[in-house]
Protein backbone atom coordinates (compact mmCIF):
# COMPACT_ATOMS: atom_id res chain seq x y z
CA MET A 1 49.88 81.63 50.51
CA GLN A 2 48.65 78.30 49.20
CA LEU A 3 44.76 78.83 50.81
CA TRP A 4 44.81 81.75 49.63
CA LYS A 5 44.94 80.38 45.81
CA GLY A 6 42.91 77.43 46.81
CA ILE A 7 40.28 79.69 47.60
CA VAL A 8 41.03 82.18 44.53
CA PHE A 9 40.80 79.28 42.56
CA ILE A 10 37.67 78.14 43.94
CA LEU A 11 35.83 81.68 43.88
CA VAL A 12 36.93 81.51 40.17
CA VAL A 13 35.67 78.23 39.55
CA ILE A 14 32.36 79.19 41.09
CA PHE A 15 32.30 82.32 38.97
CA LEU A 16 32.66 80.41 36.02
CA ILE A 17 30.25 77.83 36.84
CA TRP A 18 27.77 80.64 37.11
CA GLY A 19 28.36 82.25 34.43
CA ILE A 20 27.95 79.05 31.97
CA TYR A 21 24.13 78.69 33.95
CA GLY A 22 23.90 81.97 33.62
CA LEU A 23 24.03 81.06 29.44
CA ILE A 24 22.38 78.03 29.48
CA ALA A 25 19.62 79.63 31.45
CA GLU A 26 19.19 82.06 28.42
CA LYS A 27 19.73 79.89 26.25
CA ASN A 28 16.96 77.90 27.46
CA SER A 29 15.12 80.99 27.37
CA LEU A 30 16.02 81.89 23.49
CA GLN A 31 14.78 78.20 22.24
CA ASN A 32 11.01 79.06 23.03
CA GLU A 33 11.63 82.84 22.37
CA VAL A 34 12.30 81.13 18.85
CA LYS A 35 10.03 78.45 18.84
CA ASP A 36 6.80 80.20 19.88
CA LEU A 37 7.97 82.21 17.27
CA ARG A 38 8.04 80.57 14.61
CA SER A 39 4.83 79.53 15.61
CA ASN A 40 3.56 82.96 15.22
CA VAL A 41 5.20 83.15 11.90
CA GLN A 42 2.82 79.32 10.58
CA ASN A 43 -0.13 80.78 11.63
CA LEU A 44 0.44 84.19 10.24
CA LYS A 45 0.92 82.16 7.01
CA SER A 46 -1.56 80.52 7.64
CA GLU A 47 -3.53 83.81 7.73
CA ASN A 48 -1.77 85.09 5.76
CA ASN A 49 -3.11 82.65 2.70
CA SER A 50 -6.78 82.62 3.08
CA LEU A 51 -6.67 86.29 3.76
CA ALA A 52 -5.71 85.52 -0.42
CA GLN A 53 -8.20 83.36 -1.11
CA ASN A 54 -11.17 85.59 -0.14
CA ILE A 55 -9.71 88.77 -1.85
CA GLU A 56 -9.60 86.92 -4.72
CA TYR A 57 -13.02 85.53 -4.18
CA PHE A 58 -14.02 88.91 -3.64
CA LYS A 59 -12.04 89.98 -6.42
CA ARG A 60 -15.65 88.48 -8.76
CA PRO A 61 -18.84 90.58 -9.12
CA GLU A 62 -21.38 87.76 -9.09
CA ASN A 63 -18.99 86.63 -5.34
CA LEU A 64 -19.73 89.60 -3.70
CA ILE A 65 -23.46 90.34 -4.24
CA LYS A 66 -23.44 87.16 -3.64
CA GLU A 67 -22.23 87.28 0.03
CA LEU A 68 -24.38 91.12 -0.03
CA LYS A 69 -27.28 89.23 -1.01
CA SER A 70 -26.37 86.38 1.98
CA GLN A 71 -25.92 88.30 5.03
CA PHE A 72 -27.35 91.75 4.41
CA ASN A 73 -31.13 89.87 3.04
CA TYR A 74 -30.55 92.50 0.42
CA LYS A 75 -31.84 92.24 -3.03
CA GLU A 76 -31.97 93.79 -5.81
CA ALA A 77 -34.49 95.69 -8.27
CA GLY A 78 -37.64 93.36 -9.36
CA GLU A 79 -36.93 91.07 -6.84
CA LYS A 80 -37.91 89.25 -4.57
CA LEU A 81 -37.26 88.34 -0.94
CA ILE A 82 -37.41 85.52 1.01
CA ILE A 83 -36.90 84.54 4.49
CA VAL A 84 -37.14 81.00 5.72
CA VAL A 85 -38.08 80.21 9.12
CA PRO A 86 -36.58 76.49 10.51
CA GLY A 87 -40.40 75.45 12.17
CA ALA A 88 -40.12 75.09 15.88
CA THR A 89 -38.75 71.40 16.85
CA SER A 90 -40.21 69.47 20.08
CA THR A 91 -38.62 68.70 23.24
CA THR A 92 -41.55 66.73 24.53
CA SER A 93 -42.23 62.68 24.42
CA THR A 94 -44.51 60.85 24.21
CA ALA A 95 -44.10 57.82 26.30
CA PRO A 96 -46.41 54.94 25.29
């Protein structure tokens, strides 16, 4: 009878240790997930700030026209468009 009590006791202890190990593993997993989510939140806040700054910038019509002209070679009536092409660079070197 004493042997059975010992075996049951050992099995209960093993079951408890297994449960505790599972809880610790889950806790670590959740902590890593929280860390990743906080990083994502920080990145999204930064992106939101950048987008808010762009919105404020483009609210002004002169800035919107400036961007339109620079990105799409847009010109207003009466304006002349000049496209500057950079000069060719030489890759050869001269030896003395």
